[in-house]
Amino acid sequence: AEITRGGRSQHADSVKGRFTISRDYAKNTVYLQMSSLKPEDTAVY
C-alpha cells in the first residue's frame, strides 16, 4: 500500500478490503492496519 502527501492511497489487490494505510503528518508516521489476516500475509514488512 502507499499513500501520497495529499492523502490518496492505493492498496494491492491481495489486501484490498483488509488492510488500510494511513499517515499522521504531525508525527511523520505511516500506519498499516491489517485485519482478517491470512497465512499468505506472512512476510517481513
ModelCIF file with pLDDT and N, C-alpha, C, O atoms, coordinates in Angstrom:
data_MODEL
#
_entry.id   MODEL 
#
_entity.id                         1 
_entity.type                       polymer 
_entity.pdbx_number_of_molecules   1 
#
_entity_poly.entity_id                      1 
_entity_poly.type                           'polypeptide(L)' 
_entity_poly.nstd_linkage                   no 
_entity_poly.nstd_monomer                   no 
_entity_poly.pdbx_seq_one_letter_code       AEITRGGRSQHADSVKGRFTISRDYAKNTVYLQMSSLKPEDTAVY 
_entity_poly.pdbx_seq_one_letter_code_can   AEITRGGRSQHADSVKGRFTISRDYAKNTVYLQMSSLKPEDTAVY 
_entity_poly.pdbx_strand_id                 A 
#
loop_
_entity_poly_seq.entity_id 
_entity_poly_seq.num 
_entity_poly_seq.mon_id 
_entity_poly_seq.hetero 
1 1  ALA n 
1 2  GLU n 
1 3  ILE n 
1 4  THR n 
1 5  ARG n 
1 6  GLY n 
1 7  GLY n 
1 8  ARG n 
1 9  SER n 
1 10 GLN n 
1 11 HIS n 
1 12 ALA n 
1 13 ASP n 
1 14 SER n 
1 15 VAL n 
1 16 LYS n 
1 17 GLY n 
1 18 ARG n 
1 19 PHE n 
1 20 THR n 
1 21 ILE n 
1 22 SER n 
1 23 ARG n 
1 24 ASP n 
1 25 TYR n 
1 26 ALA n 
1 27 LYS n 
1 28 ASN n 
1 29 THR n 
1 30 VAL n 
1 31 TYR n 
1 32 LEU n 
1 33 GLN n 
1 34 MET n 
1 35 SER n 
1 36 SER n 
1 37 LEU n 
1 38 LYS n 
1 39 PRO n 
1 40 GLU n 
1 41 ASP n 
1 42 THR n 
1 43 ALA n 
1 44 VAL n 
1 45 TYR n 
#
_struct_asym.id          A 
_struct_asym.entity_id   1 
#
loop_
_ma_qa_metric.id 
_ma_qa_metric.mode 
_ma_qa_metric.name 
_ma_qa_metric.software_group_id 
_ma_qa_metric.type 
1 global pLDDT . pLDDT 
2 local  pLDDT . pLDDT 
#
_ma_qa_metric_global.metric_id      1 
_ma_qa_metric_global.metric_value   97.42 
_ma_qa_metric_global.model_id       1 
_ma_qa_metric_global.ordinal_id     1 
#
loop_
_ma_qa_metric_local.label_asym_id 
_ma_qa_metric_local.label_comp_id 
_ma_qa_metric_local.label_seq_id 
_ma_qa_metric_local.metric_id 
_ma_qa_metric_local.metric_value 
_ma_qa_metric_local.model_id 
_ma_qa_metric_local.ordinal_id 
A ALA 1  2 98.00 1 1  
A GLU 2  2 98.00 1 2  
A ILE 3  2 98.00 1 3  
A THR 4  2 97.00 1 4  
A ARG 5  2 95.00 1 5  
A GLY 6  2 96.00 1 6  
A GLY 7  2 96.00 1 7  
A ARG 8  2 97.00 1 8  
A SER 9  2 98.00 1 9  
A GLN 10 2 98.00 1 10 
A HIS 11 2 98.00 1 11 
A ALA 12 2 98.00 1 12 
A ASP 13 2 98.00 1 13 
A SER 14 2 97.00 1 14 
A VAL 15 2 98.00 1 15 
A LYS 16 2 97.00 1 16 
A GLY 17 2 97.00 1 17 
A ARG 18 2 98.00 1 18 
A PHE 19 2 98.00 1 19 
A THR 20 2 98.00 1 20 
A ILE 21 2 98.00 1 21 
A SER 22 2 98.00 1 22 
A ARG 23 2 97.00 1 23 
A ASP 24 2 97.00 1 24 
A TYR 25 2 95.00 1 25 
A ALA 26 2 95.00 1 26 
A LYS 27 2 96.00 1 27 
A ASN 28 2 97.00 1 28 
A THR 29 2 97.00 1 29 
A VAL 30 2 97.00 1 30 
A TYR 31 2 98.00 1 31 
A LEU 32 2 98.00 1 32 
A GLN 33 2 98.00 1 33 
A MET 34 2 98.00 1 34 
A SER 35 2 98.00 1 35 
A SER 36 2 98.00 1 36 
A LEU 37 2 98.00 1 37 
A LYS 38 2 98.00 1 38 
A PRO 39 2 98.00 1 39 
A GLU 40 2 97.00 1 40 
A ASP 41 2 98.00 1 41 
A THR 42 2 98.00 1 42 
A ALA 43 2 98.00 1 43 
A VAL 44 2 98.00 1 44 
A TYR 45 2 98.00 1 45 
#
loop_
_atom_site.group_PDB 
_atom_site.id 
_atom_site.type_symbol 
_atom_site.label_atom_id 
_atom_site.label_alt_id 
_atom_site.label_comp_id 
_atom_site.label_asym_id 
_atom_site.label_entity_id 
_atom_site.label_seq_id 
_atom_site.pdbx_PDB_ins_code 
_atom_site.Cartn_x 
_atom_site.Cartn_y 
_atom_site.Cartn_z 
_atom_site.occupancy 
_atom_site.B_iso_or_equiv 
_atom_site.pdbx_formal_charge 
_atom_site.auth_seq_id 
_atom_site.auth_comp_id 
_atom_site.auth_asym_id 
_atom_site.auth_atom_id 
_atom_site.pdbx_PDB_model_num 
ATOM 1   N N  . ALA A 1 1  ? 0.839   -1.189  0.000  1.00 98.00 ? 1  ALA A N  1 
ATOM 2   C CA . ALA A 1 1  ? 0.000   0.000   0.000  1.00 98.00 ? 1  ALA A CA 1 
ATOM 3   C C  . ALA A 1 1  ? 0.873   1.236   0.000  1.00 98.00 ? 1  ALA A C  1 
ATOM 4   O O  . ALA A 1 1  ? 2.017   1.198   0.452  1.00 98.00 ? 1  ALA A O  1 
ATOM 5   N N  . GLU A 1 2  ? 0.342   2.317   -0.499 1.00 98.00 ? 2  GLU A N  1 
ATOM 6   C CA . GLU A 1 2  ? 1.056   3.580   -0.490 1.00 98.00 ? 2  GLU A CA 1 
ATOM 7   C C  . GLU A 1 2  ? 0.080   4.716   -0.297 1.00 98.00 ? 2  GLU A C  1 
ATOM 8   O O  . GLU A 1 2  ? -1.105  4.598   -0.609 1.00 98.00 ? 2  GLU A O  1 
ATOM 9   N N  . ILE A 1 3  ? 0.590   5.813   0.218  1.00 98.00 ? 3  ILE A N  1 
ATOM 10  C CA . ILE A 1 3  ? -0.240  6.984   0.448  1.00 98.00 ? 3  ILE A CA 1 
ATOM 11  C C  . ILE A 1 3  ? 0.559   8.223   0.084  1.00 98.00 ? 3  ILE A C  1 
ATOM 12  O O  . ILE A 1 3  ? 1.706   8.376   0.503  1.00 98.00 ? 3  ILE A O  1 
ATOM 13  N N  . THR A 1 4  ? -0.039  9.092   -0.683 1.00 97.00 ? 4  THR A N  1 
ATOM 14  C CA . THR A 1 4  ? 0.643   10.292  -1.136 1.00 97.00 ? 4  THR A CA 1 
ATOM 15  C C  . THR A 1 4  ? 0.635   11.364  -0.061 1.00 97.00 ? 4  THR A C  1 
ATOM 16  O O  . THR A 1 4  ? -0.009  11.225  0.979  1.00 97.00 ? 4  THR A O  1 
ATOM 17  N N  . ARG A 1 5  ? 1.364   12.437  -0.337 1.00 95.00 ? 5  ARG A N  1 
ATOM 18  C CA . ARG A 1 5  ? 1.389   13.557  0.595  1.00 95.00 ? 5  ARG A CA 1 
ATOM 19  C C  . ARG A 1 5  ? -0.004  14.160  0.743  1.00 95.00 ? 5  ARG A C  1 
ATOM 20  O O  . ARG A 1 5  ? -0.347  14.700  1.795  1.00 95.00 ? 5  ARG A O  1 
ATOM 21  N N  . GLY A 1 6  ? -0.799  14.064  -0.313 1.00 96.00 ? 6  GLY A N  1 
ATOM 22  C CA . GLY A 1 6  ? -2.153  14.585  -0.274 1.00 96.00 ? 6  GLY A CA 1 
ATOM 23  C C  . GLY A 1 6  ? -3.164  13.650  0.360  1.00 96.00 ? 6  GLY A C  1 
ATOM 24  O O  . GLY A 1 6  ? -4.339  13.998  0.482  1.00 96.00 ? 6  GLY A O  1 
ATOM 25  N N  . GLY A 1 7  ? -2.726  12.471  0.766  1.00 96.00 ? 7  GLY A N  1 
ATOM 26  C CA . GLY A 1 7  ? -3.608  11.556  1.457  1.00 96.00 ? 7  GLY A CA 1 
ATOM 27  C C  . GLY A 1 7  ? -4.299  10.528  0.577  1.00 96.00 ? 7  GLY A C  1 
ATOM 28  O O  . GLY A 1 7  ? -5.127  9.760   1.067  1.00 96.00 ? 7  GLY A O  1 
ATOM 29  N N  . ARG A 1 8  ? -3.983  10.496  -0.691 1.00 97.00 ? 8  ARG A N  1 
ATOM 30  C CA . ARG A 1 8  ? -4.557  9.482   -1.568 1.00 97.00 ? 8  ARG A CA 1 
ATOM 31  C C  . ARG A 1 8  ? -3.824  8.170   -1.362 1.00 97.00 ? 8  ARG A C  1 
ATOM 32  O O  . ARG A 1 8  ? -2.596  8.146   -1.271 1.00 97.00 ? 8  ARG A O  1 
ATOM 33  N N  . SER A 1 9  ? -4.568  7.090   -1.288 1.00 98.00 ? 9  SER A N  1 
ATOM 34  C CA . SER A 1 9  ? -3.968  5.794   -1.020 1.00 98.00 ? 9  SER A CA 1 
ATOM 35  C C  . SER A 1 9  ? -4.314  4.768   -2.083 1.00 98.00 ? 9  SER A C  1 
ATOM 36  O O  . SER A 1 9  ? -5.336  4.867   -2.762 1.00 98.00 ? 9  SER A O  1 
ATOM 37  N N  . GLN A 1 10 ? -3.449  3.794   -2.209 1.00 98.00 ? 10 GLN A N  1 
ATOM 38  C CA . GLN A 1 10 ? -3.657  2.653   -3.074 1.00 98.00 ? 10 GLN A CA 1 
ATOM 39  C C  . GLN A 1 10 ? -3.267  1.404   -2.311 1.00 98.00 ? 10 GLN A C  1 
ATOM 40  O O  . GLN A 1 10 ? -2.344  1.426   -1.497 1.00 98.00 ? 10 GLN A O  1 
ATOM 41  N N  . HIS A 1 11 ? -3.964  0.326   -2.573 1.00 98.00 ? 11 HIS A N  1 
ATOM 42  C CA . HIS A 1 11 ? -3.680  -0.937  -1.918 1.00 98.00 ? 11 HIS A CA 1 
ATOM 43  C C  . HIS A 1 11 ? -3.595  -2.041  -2.963 1.00 98.00 ? 11 HIS A C  1 
ATOM 44  O O  . HIS A 1 11 ? -4.337  -2.040  -3.946 1.00 98.00 ? 11 HIS A O  1 
ATOM 45  N N  . ALA A 1 12 ? -2.696  -2.966  -2.744 1.00 98.00 ? 12 ALA A N  1 
ATOM 46  C CA . ALA A 1 12 ? -2.586  -4.104  -3.634 1.00 98.00 ? 12 ALA A CA 1 
ATOM 47  C C  . ALA A 1 12 ? -3.891  -4.895  -3.618 1.00 98.00 ? 12 ALA A C  1 
ATOM 48  O O  . ALA A 1 12 ? -4.582  -4.953  -2.600 1.00 98.00 ? 12 ALA A O  1 
ATOM 49  N N  . ASP A 1 13 ? -4.215  -5.494  -4.745 1.00 98.00 ? 13 ASP A N  1 
ATOM 50  C CA . ASP A 1 13 ? -5.462  -6.252  -4.838 1.00 98.00 ? 13 ASP A CA 1 
ATOM 51  C C  . ASP A 1 13 ? -5.556  -7.340  -3.772 1.00 98.00 ? 13 ASP A C  1 
ATOM 52  O O  . ASP A 1 13 ? -6.643  -7.641  -3.279 1.00 98.00 ? 13 ASP A O  1 
ATOM 53  N N  . SER A 1 14 ? -4.433  -7.917  -3.424 1.00 97.00 ? 14 SER A N  1 
ATOM 54  C CA . SER A 1 14 ? -4.421  -9.011  -2.474 1.00 97.00 ? 14 SER A CA 1 
ATOM 55  C C  . SER A 1 14 ? -4.816  -8.590  -1.057 1.00 97.00 ? 14 SER A C  1 
ATOM 56  O O  . SER A 1 14 ? -5.170  -9.436  -0.235 1.00 97.00 ? 14 SER A O  1 
ATOM 57  N N  . VAL A 1 15 ? -4.757  -7.292  -0.772 1.00 98.00 ? 15 VAL A N  1 
ATOM 58  C CA . VAL A 1 15 ? -5.061  -6.832  0.577  1.00 98.00 ? 15 VAL A CA 1 
ATOM 59  C C  . VAL A 1 15 ? -6.231  -5.857  0.633  1.00 98.00 ? 15 VAL A C  1 
ATOM 60  O O  . VAL A 1 15 ? -6.619  -5.423  1.718  1.00 98.00 ? 15 VAL A O  1 
ATOM 61  N N  . LYS A 1 16 ? -6.790  -5.510  -0.502 1.00 97.00 ? 16 LYS A N  1 
ATOM 62  C CA . LYS A 1 16 ? -7.910  -4.578  -0.521 1.00 97.00 ? 16 LYS A CA 1 
ATOM 63  C C  . LYS A 1 16 ? -9.066  -5.101  0.320  1.00 97.00 ? 16 LYS A C  1 
ATOM 64  O O  . LYS A 1 16 ? -9.435  -6.274  0.246  1.00 97.00 ? 16 LYS A O  1 
ATOM 65  N N  . GLY A 1 17 ? -9.619  -4.213  1.109  1.00 97.00 ? 17 GLY A N  1 
ATOM 66  C CA . GLY A 1 17 ? -10.719 -4.587  1.980  1.00 97.00 ? 17 GLY A CA 1 
ATOM 67  C C  . GLY A 1 17 ? -10.276 -5.134  3.309  1.00 97.00 ? 17 GLY A C  1 
ATOM 68  O O  . GLY A 1 17 ? -11.090 -5.292  4.219  1.00 97.00 ? 17 GLY A O  1 
ATOM 69  N N  . ARG A 1 18 ? -8.984  -5.430  3.441  1.00 98.00 ? 18 ARG A N  1 
ATOM 70  C CA . ARG A 1 18 ? -8.455  -5.983  4.687  1.00 98.00 ? 18 ARG A CA 1 
ATOM 71  C C  . ARG A 1 18 ? -7.418  -5.073  5.334  1.00 98.00 ? 18 ARG A C  1 
ATOM 72  O O  . ARG A 1 18 ? -7.365  -4.964  6.559  1.00 98.00 ? 18 ARG A O  1 
ATOM 73  N N  . PHE A 1 19 ? -6.598  -4.424  4.523  1.00 98.00 ? 19 PHE A N  1 
ATOM 74  C CA . PHE A 1 19 ? -5.546  -3.539  5.030  1.00 98.00 ? 19 PHE A CA 1 
ATOM 75  C C  . PHE A 1 19 ? -5.904  -2.092  4.720  1.00 98.00 ? 19 PHE A C  1 
ATOM 76  O O  . PHE A 1 19 ? -6.545  -1.802  3.710  1.00 98.00 ? 19 PHE A O  1 
ATOM 77  N N  . THR A 1 20 ? -5.489  -1.204  5.587  1.00 98.00 ? 20 THR A N  1 
ATOM 78  C CA . THR A 1 20 ? -5.694  0.217   5.371  1.00 98.00 ? 20 THR A CA 1 
ATOM 79  C C  . THR A 1 20 ? -4.438  0.986   5.754  1.00 98.00 ? 20 THR A C  1 
ATOM 80  O O  . THR A 1 20 ? -3.939  0.863   6.873  1.00 98.00 ? 20 THR A O  1 
ATOM 81  N N  . ILE A 1 21 ? -3.936  1.776   4.820  1.00 98.00 ? 21 ILE A N  1 
ATOM 82  C CA . ILE A 1 21 ? -2.776  2.611   5.106  1.00 98.00 ? 21 ILE A CA 1 
ATOM 83  C C  . ILE A 1 21 ? -3.253  4.005   5.502  1.00 98.00 ? 21 ILE A C  1 
ATOM 84  O O  . ILE A 1 21 ? -4.246  4.502   4.973  1.00 98.00 ? 21 ILE A O  1 
ATOM 85  N N  . SER A 1 22 ? -2.553  4.620   6.419  1.00 98.00 ? 22 SER A N  1 
ATOM 86  C CA . SER A 1 22 ? -2.874  5.971   6.849  1.00 98.00 ? 22 SER A CA 1 
ATOM 87  C C  . SER A 1 22 ? -1.599  6.655   7.309  1.00 98.00 ? 22 SER A C  1 
ATOM 88  O O  . SER A 1 22 ? -0.568  6.005   7.479  1.00 98.00 ? 22 SER A O  1 
ATOM 89  N N  . ARG A 1 23 ? -1.667  7.951   7.508  1.00 97.00 ? 23 ARG A N  1 
ATOM 90  C CA . ARG A 1 23 ? -0.483  8.680   7.961  1.00 97.00 ? 23 ARG A CA 1 
ATOM 91  C C  . ARG A 1 23 ? -0.871  9.778   8.931  1.00 97.00 ? 23 ARG A C  1 
ATOM 92  O O  . ARG A 1 23 ? -1.985  10.300  8.903  1.00 97.00 ? 23 ARG A O  1 
ATOM 93  N N  . ASP A 1 24 ? 0.067   10.109  9.781  1.00 97.00 ? 24 ASP A N  1 
ATOM 94  C CA . ASP A 1 24 ? -0.070  11.185  10.736 1.00 97.00 ? 24 ASP A CA 1 
ATOM 95  C C  . ASP A 1 24 ? 0.989   12.211  10.378 1.00 97.00 ? 24 ASP A C  1 
ATOM 96  O O  . ASP A 1 24 ? 2.179   11.988  10.603 1.00 97.00 ? 24 ASP A O  1 
ATOM 97  N N  . TYR A 1 25 ? 0.563   13.327  9.825  1.00 95.00 ? 25 TYR A N  1 
ATOM 98  C CA . TYR A 1 25 ? 1.501   14.327  9.347  1.00 95.00 ? 25 TYR A CA 1 
ATOM 99  C C  . TYR A 1 25 ? 2.325   14.933  10.485 1.00 95.00 ? 25 TYR A C  1 
ATOM 100 O O  . TYR A 1 25 ? 3.523   15.169  10.332 1.00 95.00 ? 25 TYR A O  1 
ATOM 101 N N  . ALA A 1 26 ? 1.693   15.178  11.597 1.00 95.00 ? 26 ALA A N  1 
ATOM 102 C CA . ALA A 1 26 ? 2.386   15.797  12.720 1.00 95.00 ? 26 ALA A CA 1 
ATOM 103 C C  . ALA A 1 26 ? 3.453   14.892  13.308 1.00 95.00 ? 26 ALA A C  1 
ATOM 104 O O  . ALA A 1 26 ? 4.472   15.370  13.806 1.00 95.00 ? 26 ALA A O  1 
ATOM 105 N N  . LYS A 1 27 ? 3.226   13.594  13.253 1.00 96.00 ? 27 LYS A N  1 
ATOM 106 C CA . LYS A 1 27 ? 4.163   12.643  13.837 1.00 96.00 ? 27 LYS A CA 1 
ATOM 107 C C  . LYS A 1 27 ? 5.106   12.017  12.811 1.00 96.00 ? 27 LYS A C  1 
ATOM 108 O O  . LYS A 1 27 ? 5.946   11.190  13.166 1.00 96.00 ? 27 LYS A O  1 
ATOM 109 N N  . ASN A 1 28 ? 4.973   12.405  11.547 1.00 97.00 ? 28 ASN A N  1 
ATOM 110 C CA . ASN A 1 28 ? 5.798   11.821  10.481 1.00 97.00 ? 28 ASN A CA 1 
ATOM 111 C C  . ASN A 1 28 ? 5.736   10.295  10.524 1.00 97.00 ? 28 ASN A C  1 
ATOM 112 O O  . ASN A 1 28 ? 6.755   9.612   10.419 1.00 97.00 ? 28 ASN A O  1 
ATOM 113 N N  . THR A 1 29 ? 4.545   9.790   10.676 1.00 97.00 ? 29 THR A N  1 
ATOM 114 C CA . THR A 1 29 ? 4.349   8.370   10.871 1.00 97.00 ? 29 THR A CA 1 
ATOM 115 C C  . THR A 1 29 ? 3.333   7.812   9.876  1.00 97.00 ? 29 THR A C  1 
ATOM 116 O O  . THR A 1 29 ? 2.318   8.445   9.583  1.00 97.00 ? 29 THR A O  1 
ATOM 117 N N  . VAL A 1 30 ? 3.621   6.633   9.371  1.00 97.00 ? 30 VAL A N  1 
ATOM 118 C CA . VAL A 1 30 ? 2.698   5.925   8.498  1.00 97.00 ? 30 VAL A CA 1 
ATOM 119 C C  . VAL A 1 30 ? 2.285   4.636   9.193  1.00 97.00 ? 30 VAL A C  1 
ATOM 120 O O  . VAL A 1 30 ? 3.090   3.997   9.870  1.00 97.00 ? 30 VAL A O  1 
ATOM 121 N N  . TYR A 1 31 ? 1.027   4.265   9.020  1.00 98.00 ? 31 TYR A N  1 
ATOM 122 C CA . TYR A 1 31 ? 0.484   3.089   9.668  1.00 98.00 ? 31 TYR A CA 1 
ATOM 123 C C  . TYR A 1 31 ? -0.067  2.114   8.630  1.00 98.00 ? 31 TYR A C  1 
ATOM 124 O O  . TYR A 1 31 ? -0.425  2.502   7.517  1.00 98.00 ? 31 TYR A O  1 
ATOM 125 N N  . LEU A 1 32 ? -0.125  0.876   9.010  1.00 98.00 ? 32 LEU A N  1 
ATOM 126 C CA . LEU A 1 32 ? -0.795  -0.129  8.206  1.00 98.00 ? 32 LEU A CA 1 
ATOM 127 C C  . LEU A 1 32 ? -1.664  -0.959  9.135  1.00 98.00 ? 32 LEU A C  1 
ATOM 128 O O  . LEU A 1 32 ? -1.167  -1.782  9.904  1.00 98.00 ? 32 LEU A O  1 
ATOM 129 N N  . GLN A 1 33 ? -2.960  -0.731  9.054  1.00 98.00 ? 33 GLN A N  1 
ATOM 130 C CA . GLN A 1 33 ? -3.907  -1.511  9.838  1.00 98.00 ? 33 GLN A CA 1 
ATOM 131 C C  . GLN A 1 33 ? -4.248  -2.763  9.054  1.00 98.00 ? 33 GLN A C  1 
ATOM 132 O O  . GLN A 1 33 ? -4.775  -2.681  7.945  1.00 98.00 ? 33 GLN A O  1 
ATOM 133 N N  . MET A 1 34 ? -3.955  -3.908  9.617  1.00 98.00 ? 34 MET A N  1 
ATOM 134 C CA . MET A 1 34 ? -4.161  -5.180  8.955  1.00 98.00 ? 34 MET A CA 1 
ATOM 135 C C  . MET A 1 34 ? -5.214  -5.975  9.704  1.00 98.00 ? 34 MET A C  1 
ATOM 136 O O  . MET A 1 34 ? -5.075  -6.238  10.899 1.00 98.00 ? 34 MET A O  1 
ATOM 137 N N  . SER A 1 35 ? -6.258  -6.352  9.000  1.00 98.00 ? 35 SER A N  1 
ATOM 138 C CA . SER A 1 35 ? -7.344  -7.128  9.580  1.00 98.00 ? 35 SER A CA 1 
ATOM 139 C C  . SER A 1 35 ? -7.595  -8.355  8.721  1.00 98.00 ? 35 SER A C  1 
ATOM 140 O O  . SER A 1 35 ? -7.126  -8.444  7.586  1.00 98.00 ? 35 SER A O  1 
ATOM 141 N N  . SER A 1 36 ? -8.339  -9.296  9.278  1.00 98.00 ? 36 SER A N  1 
ATOM 142 C CA . SER A 1 36 ? -8.649  -10.538 8.566  1.00 98.00 ? 36 SER A CA 1 
ATOM 143 C C  . SER A 1 36 ? -7.389  -11.152 7.973  1.00 98.00 ? 36 SER A C  1 
ATOM 144 O O  . SER A 1 36 ? -7.365  -11.548 6.808  1.00 98.00 ? 36 SER A O  1 
ATOM 145 N N  . LEU A 1 37 ? -6.362  -11.223 8.777  1.00 98.00 ? 37 LEU A N  1 
ATOM 146 C CA . LEU A 1 37 ? -5.071  -11.702 8.298  1.00 98.00 ? 37 LEU A CA 1 
ATOM 147 C C  . LEU A 1 37 ? -5.135  -13.157 7.864  1.00 98.00 ? 37 LEU A C  1 
ATOM 148 O O  . LEU A 1 37 ? -5.847  -13.975 8.446  1.00 98.00 ? 37 LEU A O  1 
ATOM 149 N N  . LYS A 1 38 ? -4.373  -13.449 6.831  1.00 98.00 ? 38 LYS A N  1 
ATOM 150 C CA . LYS A 1 38 ? -4.286  -14.781 6.268  1.00 98.00 ? 38 LYS A CA 1 
ATOM 151 C C  . LYS A 1 38 ? -2.849  -15.280 6.360  1.00 98.00 ? 38 LYS A C  1 
ATOM 152 O O  . LYS A 1 38 ? -1.920  -14.475 6.425  1.00 98.00 ? 38 LYS A O  1 
ATOM 153 N N  . PRO A 1 39 ? -2.653  -16.592 6.367  1.00 98.00 ? 39 PRO A N  1 
ATOM 154 C CA . PRO A 1 39 ? -1.286  -17.116 6.397  1.00 98.00 ? 39 PRO A CA 1 
ATOM 155 C C  . PRO A 1 39 ? -0.415  -16.574 5.267  1.00 98.00 ? 39 PRO A C  1 
ATOM 156 O O  . PRO A 1 39 ? 0.787   -16.387 5.455  1.00 98.00 ? 39 PRO A O  1 
ATOM 157 N N  . GLU A 1 40 ? -0.991  -16.323 4.117  1.00 97.00 ? 40 GLU A N  1 
ATOM 158 C CA . GLU A 1 40 ? -0.224  -15.799 3.000  1.00 97.00 ? 40 GLU A CA 1 
ATOM 159 C C  . GLU A 1 40 ? 0.229   -14.357 3.195  1.00 97.00 ? 40 GLU A C  1 
ATOM 160 O O  . GLU A 1 40 ? 1.002   -13.839 2.389  1.00 97.00 ? 40 GLU A O  1 
ATOM 161 N N  . ASP A 1 41 ? -0.239  -13.709 4.245  1.00 98.00 ? 41 ASP A N  1 
ATOM 162 C CA . ASP A 1 41 ? 0.242   -12.376 4.586  1.00 98.00 ? 41 ASP A CA 1 
ATOM 163 C C  . ASP A 1 41 ? 1.564   -12.431 5.337  1.00 98.00 ? 41 ASP A C  1 
ATOM 164 O O  . ASP A 1 41 ? 2.192   -11.397 5.564  1.00 98.00 ? 41 ASP A O  1 
ATOM 165 N N  . THR A 1 42 ? 1.985   -13.610 5.719  1.00 98.00 ? 42 THR A N  1 
ATOM 166 C CA . THR A 1 42 ? 3.238   -13.767 6.448  1.00 98.00 ? 42 THR A CA 1 
ATOM 167 C C  . THR A 1 42 ? 4.405   -13.268 5.605  1.00 98.00 ? 42 THR A C  1 
ATOM 168 O O  . THR A 1 42 ? 4.598   -13.712 4.474  1.00 98.00 ? 42 THR A O  1 
ATOM 169 N N  . ALA A 1 43 ? 5.174   -12.352 6.157  1.00 98.00 ? 43 ALA A N  1 
ATOM 170 C CA . ALA A 1 43 ? 6.293   -11.751 5.450  1.00 98.00 ? 43 ALA A CA 1 
ATOM 171 C C  . ALA A 1 43 ? 6.989   -10.767 6.370  1.00 98.00 ? 43 ALA A C  1 
ATOM 172 O O  . ALA A 1 43 ? 6.522   -10.488 7.474  1.00 98.00 ? 43 ALA A O  1 
ATOM 173 N N  . VAL A 1 44 ? 8.104   -10.252 5.903  1.00 98.00 ? 44 VAL A N  1 
ATOM 174 C CA . VAL A 1 44 ? 8.736   -9.123  6.562  1.00 98.00 ? 44 VAL A CA 1 
ATOM 175 C C  . VAL A 1 44 ? 8.187   -7.872  5.904  1.00 98.00 ? 44 VAL A C  1 
ATOM 176 O O  . VAL A 1 44 ? 8.239   -7.731  4.682  1.00 98.00 ? 44 VAL A O  1 
ATOM 177 N N  . TYR A 1 45 ? 7.670   -6.980  6.699  1.00 98.00 ? 45 TYR A N  1 
ATOM 178 C CA . TYR A 1 45 ? 7.071   -5.763  6.189  1.00 98.00 ? 45 TYR A CA 1 
ATOM 179 C C  . TYR A 1 45 ? 8.028   -4.585  6.368  1.00 98.00 ? 45 TYR A C  1 
ATOM 180 O O  . TYR A 1 45 ? 7.699   -3.459  5.995  1.00 98.00 ? 45 TYR A O  1 
#
